[in-house]
Amino acid sequence: MSNSDALKAKADSSFNAYLDCMKTSVTSYSASSASANEVADAAQSKCAAAFRAFESSLEERLTYDKVTNVGHAAGLREARRLAQDLRVSAKEKAVQWVIESRLQKK
């Protein structure tokens, strides 16, 4: 396995760990009277360290072969943009999980 492949696998694994944290948190919070968005916010707060680990692994992956400062900075910007986009998508999914969980209990 090349270093690039290993970095991709690490980023994928850390994103899956973040999603698992979100799902576990949503499951524990969904029975509360909080709104679905509040539950998703609480889950994101609880999973902040997992998100930071994912963001860091993504930065490492997207800056791995950059040899110039400009290339490295561009890789960091892309990693942070992508990580934030995926964070928003994870929150949207968390809201959906809360609603589905509550509907199943009715």
PDB file of N, CA and C in Angstrom:
ATOM      1  N   MET A   1       0.852  -1.176   0.000  1.00  0.00           N
ATOM      2  CA  MET A   1       0.000   0.000   0.000  1.00  0.00           C
ATOM      3  C   MET A   1       0.899   1.241   0.000  1.00  0.00           C
ATOM      4  N   SER A   2       0.616   2.151  -0.904  1.00  0.00           N
ATOM      5  CA  SER A   2       1.404   3.376  -0.978  1.00  0.00           C
ATOM      6  C   SER A   2       1.033   4.306   0.181  1.00  0.00           C
ATOM      7  N   ASN A   3       1.891   5.284   0.417  1.00  0.00           N
ATOM      8  CA  ASN A   3       1.629   6.253   1.485  1.00  0.00           C
ATOM      9  C   ASN A   3       0.342   7.022   1.194  1.00  0.00           C
ATOM     10  N   SER A   4       0.117   7.354  -0.080  1.00  0.00           N
ATOM     11  CA  SER A   4      -1.102   8.059  -0.472  1.00  0.00           C
ATOM     12  C   SER A   4      -2.352   7.215  -0.162  1.00  0.00           C
ATOM     13  N   ASP A   5      -2.268   5.921  -0.467  1.00  0.00           N
ATOM     14  CA  ASP A   5      -3.389   5.016  -0.174  1.00  0.00           C
ATOM     15  C   ASP A   5      -3.611   4.897   1.334  1.00  0.00           C
ATOM     16  N   ALA A   6      -2.510   4.855   2.078  1.00  0.00           N
ATOM     17  CA  ALA A   6      -2.613   4.755   3.538  1.00  0.00           C
ATOM     18  C   ALA A   6      -3.264   6.013   4.112  1.00  0.00           C
ATOM     19  N   LEU A   7      -2.911   7.175   3.567  1.00  0.00           N
ATOM     20  CA  LEU A   7      -3.509   8.426   4.045  1.00  0.00           C
ATOM     21  C   LEU A   7      -4.995   8.492   3.704  1.00  0.00           C
ATOM     22  N   LYS A   8      -5.361   7.980   2.528  1.00  0.00           N
ATOM     23  CA  LYS A   8      -6.778   7.934   2.150  1.00  0.00           C
ATOM     24  C   LYS A   8      -7.539   7.020   3.102  1.00  0.00           C
ATOM     25  N   ALA A   9      -6.968   5.850   3.389  1.00  0.00           N
ATOM     26  CA  ALA A   9      -7.612   4.905   4.304  1.00  0.00           C
ATOM     27  C   ALA A   9      -7.755   5.509   5.695  1.00  0.00           C
ATOM     28  N   LYS A  10      -6.731   6.242   6.141  1.00  0.00           N
ATOM     29  CA  LYS A  10      -6.793   6.897   7.456  1.00  0.00           C
ATOM     30  C   LYS A  10      -7.899   7.954   7.489  1.00  0.00           C
ATOM     31  N   ALA A  11      -8.001   8.763   6.422  1.00  0.00           N
ATOM     32  CA  ALA A  11      -9.048   9.790   6.361  1.00  0.00           C
ATOM     33  C   ALA A  11     -10.429   9.144   6.331  1.00  0.00           C
ATOM     34  N   ASP A  12     -10.571   8.079   5.543  1.00  0.00           N
ATOM     35  CA  ASP A  12     -11.860   7.377   5.471  1.00  0.00           C
ATOM     36  C   ASP A  12     -12.235   6.789   6.834  1.00  0.00           C
ATOM     37  N   SER A  13     -11.258   6.182   7.492  1.00  0.00           N
ATOM     38  CA  SER A  13     -11.503   5.578   8.792  1.00  0.00           C
ATOM     39  C   SER A  13     -11.879   6.629   9.843  1.00  0.00           C
ATOM     40  N   SER A  14     -11.182   7.756   9.819  1.00  0.00           N
ATOM     41  CA  SER A  14     -11.493   8.789  10.808  1.00  0.00           C
ATOM     42  C   SER A  14     -12.848   9.438  10.529  1.00  0.00           C
ATOM     43  N   PHE A  15     -13.249   9.541   9.252  1.00  0.00           N
ATOM     44  CA  PHE A  15     -14.591  10.055   8.963  1.00  0.00           C
ATOM     45  C   PHE A  15     -15.650   9.070   9.453  1.00  0.00           C
ATOM     46  N   ASN A  16     -15.411   7.779   9.235  1.00  0.00           N
ATOM     47  CA  ASN A  16     -16.358   6.771   9.723  1.00  0.00           C
ATOM     48  C   ASN A  16     -16.454   6.791  11.244  1.00  0.00           C
ATOM     49  N   ALA A  17     -15.327   7.041  11.923  1.00  0.00           N
ATOM     50  CA  ALA A  17     -15.351   7.145  13.392  1.00  0.00           C
ATOM     51  C   ALA A  17     -16.186   8.352  13.817  1.00  0.00           C
ATOM     52  N   TYR A  18     -16.059   9.449  13.082  1.00  0.00           N
ATOM     53  CA  TYR A  18     -16.874  10.645  13.370  1.00  0.00           C
ATOM     54  C   TYR A  18     -18.360  10.337  13.179  1.00  0.00           C
ATOM     55  N   LEU A  19     -18.692   9.691  12.067  1.00  0.00           N
ATOM     56  CA  LEU A  19     -20.107   9.346  11.833  1.00  0.00           C
ATOM     57  C   LEU A  19     -20.629   8.388  12.899  1.00  0.00           C
ATOM     58  N   ASP A  20     -19.808   7.427  13.306  1.00  0.00           N
ATOM     59  CA  ASP A  20     -20.222   6.496  14.364  1.00  0.00           C
ATOM     60  C   ASP A  20     -20.482   7.248  15.666  1.00  0.00           C
ATOM     61  N   CYS A  21     -19.617   8.206  15.985  1.00  0.00           N
ATOM     62  CA  CYS A  21     -19.811   9.027  17.184  1.00  0.00           C
ATOM     63  C   CYS A  21     -21.127   9.802  17.081  1.00  0.00           C
ATOM     64  N   MET A  22     -21.373  10.388  15.928  1.00  0.00           N
ATOM     65  CA  MET A  22     -22.614  11.145  15.724  1.00  0.00           C
ATOM     66  C   MET A  22     -23.830  10.235  15.908  1.00  0.00           C
ATOM     67  N   LYS A  23     -23.784   9.064  15.306  1.00  0.00           N
ATOM     68  CA  LYS A  23     -24.923   8.139  15.386  1.00  0.00           C
ATOM     69  C   LYS A  23     -25.156   7.705  16.838  1.00  0.00           C
ATOM     70  N   THR A  24     -24.096   7.385  17.549  1.00  0.00           N
ATOM     71  CA  THR A  24     -24.215   6.974  18.952  1.00  0.00           C
ATOM     72  C   THR A  24     -24.776   8.113  19.797  1.00  0.00           C
ATOM     73  N   SER A  25     -24.281   9.309  19.564  1.00  0.00           N
ATOM     74  CA  SER A  25     -24.751  10.473  20.323  1.00  0.00           C
ATOM     75  C   SER A  25     -26.210  10.769  20.032  1.00  0.00           C
ATOM     76  N   VAL A  26     -26.582  10.710  18.778  1.00  0.00           N
ATOM     77  CA  VAL A  26     -27.972  10.953  18.401  1.00  0.00           C
ATOM     78  C   VAL A  26     -28.878   9.925  19.075  1.00  0.00           C
ATOM     79  N   THR A  27     -28.451   8.683  19.082  1.00  0.00           N
ATOM     80  CA  THR A  27     -29.247   7.628  19.707  1.00  0.00           C
ATOM     81  C   THR A  27     -29.459   7.909  21.190  1.00  0.00           C
ATOM     82  N   SER A  28     -28.421   8.392  21.851  1.00  0.00           N
ATOM     83  CA  SER A  28     -28.566   8.643  23.287  1.00  0.00           C
ATOM     84  C   SER A  28     -29.366   9.906  23.586  1.00  0.00           C
ATOM     85  N   TYR A  29     -29.355  10.863  22.669  1.00  0.00           N
ATOM     86  CA  TYR A  29     -30.058  12.133  22.906  1.00  0.00           C
ATOM     87  C   TYR A  29     -31.463  12.190  22.304  1.00  0.00           C
ATOM     88  N   SER A  30     -31.790  11.314  21.384  1.00  0.00           N
ATOM     89  CA  SER A  30     -33.036  11.476  20.628  1.00  0.00           C
ATOM     90  C   SER A  30     -34.303  11.319  21.474  1.00  0.00           C
ATOM     91  N   ALA A  31     -34.197  10.647  22.607  1.00  0.00           N
ATOM     92  CA  ALA A  31     -35.377  10.483  23.471  1.00  0.00           C
ATOM     93  C   ALA A  31     -35.704  11.752  24.251  1.00  0.00           C
ATOM     94  N   SER A  32     -34.816  12.715  24.221  1.00  0.00           N
ATOM     95  CA  SER A  32     -35.054  13.962  24.955  1.00  0.00           C
ATOM     96  C   SER A  32     -36.130  14.788  24.259  1.00  0.00           C
ATOM     97  N   SER A  33     -36.540  15.857  24.914  1.00  0.00           N
ATOM     98  CA  SER A  33     -37.546  16.738  24.321  1.00  0.00           C
ATOM     99  C   SER A  33     -36.911  17.799  23.422  1.00  0.00           C
ATOM    100  N   ALA A  34     -35.598  17.745  23.253  1.00  0.00           N
ATOM    101  CA  ALA A  34     -34.902  18.713  22.389  1.00  0.00           C
ATOM    102  C   ALA A  34     -35.330  18.514  20.942  1.00  0.00           C
ATOM    103  N   SER A  35     -35.279  19.604  20.186  1.00  0.00           N
ATOM    104  CA  SER A  35     -35.607  19.503  18.764  1.00  0.00           C
ATOM    105  C   SER A  35     -34.539  18.670  18.055  1.00  0.00           C
ATOM    106  N   ALA A  36     -34.847  18.199  16.876  1.00  0.00           N
ATOM    107  CA  ALA A  36     -33.894  17.406  16.095  1.00  0.00           C
ATOM    108  C   ALA A  36     -32.618  18.199  15.841  1.00  0.00           C
ATOM    109  N   ASN A  37     -32.744  19.492  15.558  1.00  0.00           N
ATOM    110  CA  ASN A  37     -31.558  20.328  15.344  1.00  0.00           C
ATOM    111  C   ASN A  37     -30.734  20.473  16.620  1.00  0.00           C
ATOM    112  N   GLU A  38     -31.414  20.600  17.762  1.00  0.00           N
ATOM    113  CA  GLU A  38     -30.687  20.698  19.031  1.00  0.00           C
ATOM    114  C   GLU A  38     -29.938  19.398  19.337  1.00  0.00           C
ATOM    115  N   VAL A  39     -30.566  18.275  19.045  1.00  0.00           N
ATOM    116  CA  VAL A  39     -29.909  16.983  19.237  1.00  0.00           C
ATOM    117  C   VAL A  39     -28.689  16.881  18.327  1.00  0.00           C
ATOM    118  N   ALA A  40     -28.840  17.292  17.075  1.00  0.00           N
ATOM    119  CA  ALA A  40     -27.716  17.255  16.135  1.00  0.00           C
ATOM    120  C   ALA A  40     -26.582  18.174  16.598  1.00  0.00           C
ATOM    121  N   ASP A  41     -26.933  19.352  17.107  1.00  0.00           N
ATOM    122  CA  ASP A  41     -25.918  20.267  17.643  1.00  0.00           C
ATOM    123  C   ASP A  41     -25.187  19.631  18.827  1.00  0.00           C
ATOM    124  N   ALA A  42     -25.942  19.000  19.721  1.00  0.00           N
ATOM    125  CA  ALA A  42     -25.335  18.352  20.888  1.00  0.00           C
ATOM    126  C   ALA A  42     -24.416  17.206  20.452  1.00  0.00           C
ATOM    127  N   ALA A  43     -24.854  16.460  19.450  1.00  0.00           N
ATOM    128  CA  ALA A  43     -24.023  15.368  18.938  1.00  0.00           C
ATOM    129  C   ALA A  43     -22.733  15.914  18.340  1.00  0.00           C
ATOM    130  N   GLN A  44     -22.839  16.999  17.579  1.00  0.00           N
ATOM    131  CA  GLN A  44     -21.626  17.586  17.002  1.00  0.00           C
ATOM    132  C   GLN A  44     -20.689  18.083  18.095  1.00  0.00           C
ATOM    133  N   SER A  45     -21.250  18.640  19.125  1.00  0.00           N
ATOM    134  CA  SER A  45     -20.425  19.109  20.241  1.00  0.00           C
ATOM    135  C   SER A  45     -19.709  17.941  20.912  1.00  0.00           C
ATOM    136  N   LYS A  46     -20.450  16.878  21.150  1.00  0.00           N
ATOM    137  CA  LYS A  46     -19.868  15.699  21.799  1.00  0.00           C
ATOM    138  C   LYS A  46     -18.795  15.046  20.921  1.00  0.00           C
ATOM    139  N   CYS A  47     -18.945  15.143  19.620  1.00  0.00           N
ATOM    140  CA  CYS A  47     -18.043  14.476  18.677  1.00  0.00           C
ATOM    141  C   CYS A  47     -16.996  15.414  18.088  1.00  0.00           C
ATOM    142  N   ALA A  48     -16.783  16.553  18.731  1.00  0.00           N
ATOM    143  CA  ALA A  48     -15.838  17.547  18.202  1.00  0.00           C
ATOM    144  C   ALA A  48     -14.428  16.968  18.057  1.00  0.00           C
ATOM    145  N   ALA A  49     -13.986  16.180  19.006  1.00  0.00           N
ATOM    146  CA  ALA A  49     -12.632  15.612  18.918  1.00  0.00           C
ATOM    147  C   ALA A  49     -12.525  14.648  17.734  1.00  0.00           C
ATOM    148  N   ALA A  50     -13.563  13.864  17.508  1.00  0.00           N
ATOM    149  CA  ALA A  50     -13.561  12.942  16.364  1.00  0.00           C
ATOM    150  C   ALA A  50     -13.555  13.720  15.057  1.00  0.00           C
ATOM    151  N   PHE A  51     -14.280  14.840  15.021  1.00  0.00           N
ATOM    152  CA  PHE A  51     -14.270  15.669  13.819  1.00  0.00           C
ATOM    153  C   PHE A  51     -12.886  16.262  13.589  1.00  0.00           C
ATOM    154  N   ARG A  52     -12.273  16.767  14.653  1.00  0.00           N
ATOM    155  CA  ARG A  52     -10.924  17.348  14.506  1.00  0.00           C
ATOM    156  C   ARG A  52      -9.923  16.300  14.021  1.00  0.00           C
ATOM    157  N   ALA A  53     -10.045  15.075  14.499  1.00  0.00           N
ATOM    158  CA  ALA A  53      -9.167  13.993  14.044  1.00  0.00           C
ATOM    159  C   ALA A  53      -9.384  13.728  12.551  1.00  0.00           C
ATOM    160  N   PHE A  54     -10.650  13.729  12.120  1.00  0.00           N
ATOM    161  CA  PHE A  54     -10.944  13.555  10.699  1.00  0.00           C
ATOM    162  C   PHE A  54     -10.368  14.708   9.887  1.00  0.00           C
ATOM    163  N   GLU A  55     -10.606  15.936  10.340  1.00  0.00           N
ATOM    164  CA  GLU A  55     -10.120  17.101   9.607  1.00  0.00           C
ATOM    165  C   GLU A  55      -8.591  17.057   9.488  1.00  0.00           C
ATOM    166  N   SER A  56      -7.933  16.671  10.560  1.00  0.00           N
ATOM    167  CA  SER A  56      -6.477  16.583  10.554  1.00  0.00           C
ATOM    168  C   SER A  56      -5.987  15.522   9.569  1.00  0.00           C
ATOM    169  N   SER A  57      -6.643  14.371   9.552  1.00  0.00           N
ATOM    170  CA  SER A  57      -6.228  13.312   8.621  1.00  0.00           C
ATOM    171  C   SER A  57      -6.501  13.725   7.177  1.00  0.00           C
ATOM    172  N   LEU A  58      -7.576  14.474   6.955  1.00  0.00           N
ATOM    173  CA  LEU A  58      -7.870  14.965   5.611  1.00  0.00           C
ATOM    174  C   LEU A  58      -6.828  16.000   5.182  1.00  0.00           C
ATOM    175  N   GLU A  59      -6.447  16.870   6.102  1.00  0.00           N
ATOM    176  CA  GLU A  59      -5.389  17.844   5.794  1.00  0.00           C
ATOM    177  C   GLU A  59      -4.091  17.131   5.436  1.00  0.00           C
ATOM    178  N   GLU A  60      -3.771  16.106   6.207  1.00  0.00           N
ATOM    179  CA  GLU A  60      -2.549  15.342   5.941  1.00  0.00           C
ATOM    180  C   GLU A  60      -2.607  14.697   4.559  1.00  0.00           C
ATOM    181  N   ARG A  61      -3.764  14.145   4.227  1.00  0.00           N
ATOM    182  CA  ARG A  61      -3.919  13.496   2.921  1.00  0.00           C
ATOM    183  C   ARG A  61      -3.794  14.491   1.775  1.00  0.00           C
ATOM    184  N   LEU A  62      -4.444  15.646   1.903  1.00  0.00           N
ATOM    185  CA  LEU A  62      -4.485  16.594   0.790  1.00  0.00           C
ATOM    186  C   LEU A  62      -3.249  17.478   0.692  1.00  0.00           C
ATOM    187  N   THR A  63      -2.365  17.398   1.679  1.00  0.00           N
ATOM    188  CA  THR A  63      -1.110  18.154   1.599  1.00  0.00           C
ATOM    189  C   THR A  63       0.097  17.236   1.457  1.00  0.00           C
ATOM    190  N   TYR A  64      -0.117  15.942   1.417  1.00  0.00           N
ATOM    191  CA  TYR A  64       0.953  14.945   1.438  1.00  0.00           C
ATOM    192  C   TYR A  64       2.046  15.203   0.395  1.00  0.00           C
ATOM    193  N   ASP A  65       1.685  15.403  -0.843  1.00  0.00           N
ATOM    194  CA  ASP A  65       2.694  15.511  -1.904  1.00  0.00           C
ATOM    195  C   ASP A  65       2.940  16.947  -2.368  1.00  0.00           C
ATOM    196  N   LYS A  66       2.494  17.904  -1.573  1.00  0.00           N
ATOM    197  CA  LYS A  66       2.689  19.317  -1.935  1.00  0.00           C
ATOM    198  C   LYS A  66       4.083  19.753  -1.500  1.00  0.00           C
ATOM    199  N   VAL A  67       4.871  20.244  -2.440  1.00  0.00           N
ATOM    200  CA  VAL A  67       6.253  20.593  -2.132  1.00  0.00           C
ATOM    201  C   VAL A  67       6.471  22.096  -1.987  1.00  0.00           C
ATOM    202  N   THR A  68       5.497  22.899  -2.418  1.00  0.00           N
ATOM    203  CA  THR A  68       5.643  24.350  -2.283  1.00  0.00           C
ATOM    204  C   THR A  68       4.704  24.870  -1.206  1.00  0.00           C
ATOM    205  N   ASN A  69       5.017  26.028  -0.685  1.00  0.00           N
ATOM    206  CA  ASN A  69       4.135  26.649   0.308  1.00  0.00           C
ATOM    207  C   ASN A  69       2.759  26.937  -0.287  1.00  0.00           C
ATOM    208  N   VAL A  70       2.738  27.369  -1.537  1.00  0.00           N
ATOM    209  CA  VAL A  70       1.466  27.669  -2.203  1.00  0.00           C
ATOM    210  C   VAL A  70       0.634  26.393  -2.352  1.00  0.00           C
ATOM    211  N   GLY A  71       1.274  25.316  -2.779  1.00  0.00           N
ATOM    212  CA  GLY A  71       0.566  24.043  -2.921  1.00  0.00           C
ATOM    213  C   GLY A  71       0.066  23.522  -1.596  1.00  0.00           C
ATOM    214  N   HIS A  72       0.893  23.660  -0.571  1.00  0.00           N
ATOM    215  CA  HIS A  72       0.503  23.205   0.766  1.00  0.00           C
ATOM    216  C   HIS A  72      -0.691  24.011   1.279  1.00  0.00           C
ATOM    217  N   ALA A  73      -0.642  25.327   1.095  1.00  0.00           N
ATOM    218  CA  ALA A  73      -1.746  26.191   1.541  1.00  0.00           C
ATOM    219  C   ALA A  73      -3.028  25.855   0.790  1.00  0.00           C
ATOM    220  N   ALA A  74      -2.917  25.594  -0.502  1.00  0.00           N
ATOM    221  CA  ALA A  74      -4.103  25.226  -1.291  1.00  0.00           C
ATOM    222  C   ALA A  74      -4.671  23.894  -0.800  1.00  0.00           C
ATOM    223  N   GLY A  75      -3.810  22.948  -0.482  1.00  0.00           N
ATOM    224  CA  GLY A  75      -4.269  21.667   0.045  1.00  0.00           C
ATOM    225  C   GLY A  75      -4.978  21.822   1.377  1.00  0.00           C
ATOM    226  N   LEU A  76      -4.435  22.674   2.243  1.00  0.00           N
ATOM    227  CA  LEU A  76      -5.087  22.933   3.531  1.00  0.00           C
ATOM    228  C   LEU A  76      -6.459  23.560   3.349  1.00  0.00           C
ATOM    229  N   ARG A  77      -6.546  24.542   2.462  1.00  0.00           N
ATOM    230  CA  ARG A  77      -7.842  25.195   2.206  1.00  0.00           C
ATOM    231  C   ARG A  77      -8.865  24.186   1.686  1.00  0.00           C
ATOM    232  N   GLU A  78      -8.450  23.351   0.757  1.00  0.00           N
ATOM    233  CA  GLU A  78      -9.356  22.346   0.196  1.00  0.00           C
ATOM    234  C   GLU A  78      -9.787  21.349   1.266  1.00  0.00           C
ATOM    235  N   ALA A  79      -8.842  20.915   2.098  1.00  0.00           N
ATOM    236  CA  ALA A  79      -9.177  19.966   3.165  1.00  0.00           C
ATOM    237  C   ALA A  79     -10.175  20.567   4.142  1.00  0.00           C
ATOM    238  N   ARG A  80      -9.949  21.806   4.532  1.00  0.00           N
ATOM    239  CA  ARG A  80     -10.849  22.454   5.492  1.00  0.00           C
ATOM    240  C   ARG A  80     -12.228  22.697   4.887  1.00  0.00           C
ATOM    241  N   ARG A  81     -12.274  23.072   3.611  1.00  0.00           N
ATOM    242  CA  ARG A  81     -13.556  23.275   2.941  1.00  0.00           C
ATOM    243  C   ARG A  81     -14.318  21.956   2.857  1.00  0.00           C
ATOM    244  N   LEU A  82     -13.624  20.914   2.435  1.00  0.00           N
ATOM    245  CA  LEU A  82     -14.258  19.606   2.319  1.00  0.00           C
ATOM    246  C   LEU A  82     -14.719  19.092   3.681  1.00  0.00           C
ATOM    247  N   ALA A  83     -13.884  19.250   4.699  1.00  0.00           N
ATOM    248  CA  ALA A  83     -14.252  18.801   6.043  1.00  0.00           C
ATOM    249  C   ALA A  83     -15.500  19.524   6.535  1.00  0.00           C
ATOM    250  N   GLN A  84     -15.568  20.828   6.322  1.00  0.00           N
ATOM    251  CA  GLN A  84     -16.748  21.585   6.755  1.00  0.00           C
ATOM    252  C   GLN A  84     -17.994  21.175   5.980  1.00  0.00           C
ATOM    253  N   ASP A  85     -17.840  20.926   4.676  1.00  0.00           N
ATOM    254  CA  ASP A  85     -18.978  20.447   3.879  1.00  0.00           C
ATOM    255  C   ASP A  85     -19.488  19.114   4.427  1.00  0.00           C
ATOM    256  N   LEU A  86     -18.566  18.216   4.764  1.00  0.00           N
ATOM    257  CA  LEU A  86     -18.960  16.915   5.305  1.00  0.00           C
ATOM    258  C   LEU A  86     -19.538  17.048   6.707  1.00  0.00           C
ATOM    259  N   ARG A  87     -19.084  18.024   7.467  1.00  0.00           N
ATOM    260  CA  ARG A  87     -19.647  18.283   8.802  1.00  0.00           C
ATOM    261  C   ARG A  87     -21.105  18.718   8.683  1.00  0.00           C
ATOM    262  N   VAL A  88     -21.390  19.583   7.711  1.00  0.00           N
ATOM    263  CA  VAL A  88     -22.768  20.023   7.464  1.00  0.00           C
ATOM    264  C   VAL A  88     -23.622  18.828   7.041  1.00  0.00           C
ATOM    265  N   SER A  89     -23.098  18.003   6.147  1.00  0.00           N
ATOM    266  CA  SER A  89     -23.844  16.819   5.695  1.00  0.00           C
ATOM    267  C   SER A  89     -24.106  15.862   6.850  1.00  0.00           C
ATOM    268  N   ALA A  90     -23.113  15.699   7.735  1.00  0.00           N
ATOM    269  CA  ALA A  90     -23.293  14.817   8.898  1.00  0.00           C
ATOM    270  C   ALA A  90     -24.367  15.355   9.828  1.00  0.00           C
ATOM    271  N   LYS A  91     -24.420  16.669   9.997  1.00  0.00           N
ATOM    272  CA  LYS A  91     -25.455  17.256  10.853  1.00  0.00           C
ATOM    273  C   LYS A  91     -26.838  17.036  10.226  1.00  0.00           C
ATOM    274  N   GLU A  92     -26.935  17.224   8.925  1.00  0.00           N
ATOM    275  CA  GLU A  92     -28.213  16.983   8.247  1.00  0.00           C
ATOM    276  C   GLU A  92     -28.645  15.527   8.427  1.00  0.00           C
ATOM    277  N   LYS A  93     -27.688  14.613   8.324  1.00  0.00           N
ATOM    278  CA  LYS A  93     -27.989  13.187   8.515  1.00  0.00           C
ATOM    279  C   LYS A  93     -28.410  12.935   9.968  1.00  0.00           C
ATOM    280  N   ALA A  94     -27.761  13.605  10.910  1.00  0.00           N
ATOM    281  CA  ALA A  94     -28.118  13.437  12.321  1.00  0.00           C
ATOM    282  C   ALA A  94     -29.562  13.870  12.581  1.00  0.00           C
ATOM    283  N   VAL A  95     -29.976  14.978  11.985  1.00  0.00           N
ATOM    284  CA  VAL A  95     -31.365  15.435  12.117  1.00  0.00           C
ATOM    285  C   VAL A  95     -32.308  14.354  11.586  1.00  0.00           C
ATOM    286  N   GLN A  96     -31.957  13.784  10.453  1.00  0.00           N
ATOM    287  CA  GLN A  96     -32.765  12.720   9.867  1.00  0.00           C
ATOM    288  C   GLN A  96     -32.820  11.508  10.803  1.00  0.00           C
ATOM    289  N   TRP A  97     -31.704  11.129  11.398  1.00  0.00           N
ATOM    290  CA  TRP A  97     -31.686   9.993  12.333  1.00  0.00           C
ATOM    291  C   TRP A  97     -32.596  10.240  13.522  1.00  0.00           C
ATOM    292  N   VAL A  98     -32.602  11.471  14.040  1.00  0.00           N
ATOM    293  CA  VAL A  98     -33.460  11.804  15.191  1.00  0.00           C
ATOM    294  C   VAL A  98     -34.922  11.626  14.797  1.00  0.00           C
ATOM    295  N   ILE A  99     -35.301  12.190  13.686  1.00  0.00           N
ATOM    296  CA  ILE A  99     -36.695  12.112  13.246  1.00  0.00           C
ATOM    297  C   ILE A  99     -37.104  10.674  13.006  1.00  0.00           C
ATOM    298  N   GLU A 100     -36.250   9.904  12.332  1.00  0.00           N
ATOM    299  CA  GLU A 100     -36.568   8.493  12.080  1.00  0.00           C
ATOM    300  C   GLU A 100     -36.694   7.721  13.387  1.00  0.00           C
ATOM    301  N   SER A 101     -35.803   7.998  14.346  1.00  0.00           N
ATOM    302  CA  SER A 101     -35.867   7.316  15.636  1.00  0.00           C
ATOM    303  C   SER A 101     -37.154   7.617  16.360  1.00  0.00           C
ATOM    304  N   ARG A 102     -37.566   8.868  16.323  1.00  0.00           N
ATOM    305  CA  ARG A 102     -38.795   9.261  17.016  1.00  0.00           C
ATOM    306  C   ARG A 102     -40.023   8.694  16.328  1.00  0.00           C
ATOM    307  N   LEU A 103     -40.000   8.593  15.022  1.00  0.00           N
ATOM    308  CA  LEU A 103     -41.138   8.022  14.289  1.00  0.00           C
ATOM    309  C   LEU A 103     -41.269   6.524  14.570  1.00  0.00           C
ATOM    310  N   GLN A 104     -40.150   5.837  14.725  1.00  0.00           N
ATOM    311  CA  GLN A 104     -40.184   4.408  15.004  1.00  0.00           C
ATOM    312  C   GLN A 104     -40.762   4.105  16.370  1.00  0.00           C
ATOM    313  N   LYS A 105     -40.623   5.055  17.291  1.00  0.00           N
ATOM    314  CA  LYS A 105     -41.104   4.842  18.662  1.00  0.00           C
ATOM    315  C   LYS A 105     -42.575   5.145  18.830  1.00  0.00           C
ATOM    316  N   LYS A 106     -43.193   5.699  17.791  1.00  0.00           N
ATOM    317  CA  LYS A 106     -44.623   6.040  17.891  1.00  0.00           C
ATOM    318  C   LYS A 106     -45.480   4.844  17.603  1.00  0.00           C
TER     319      LYS A 106
END
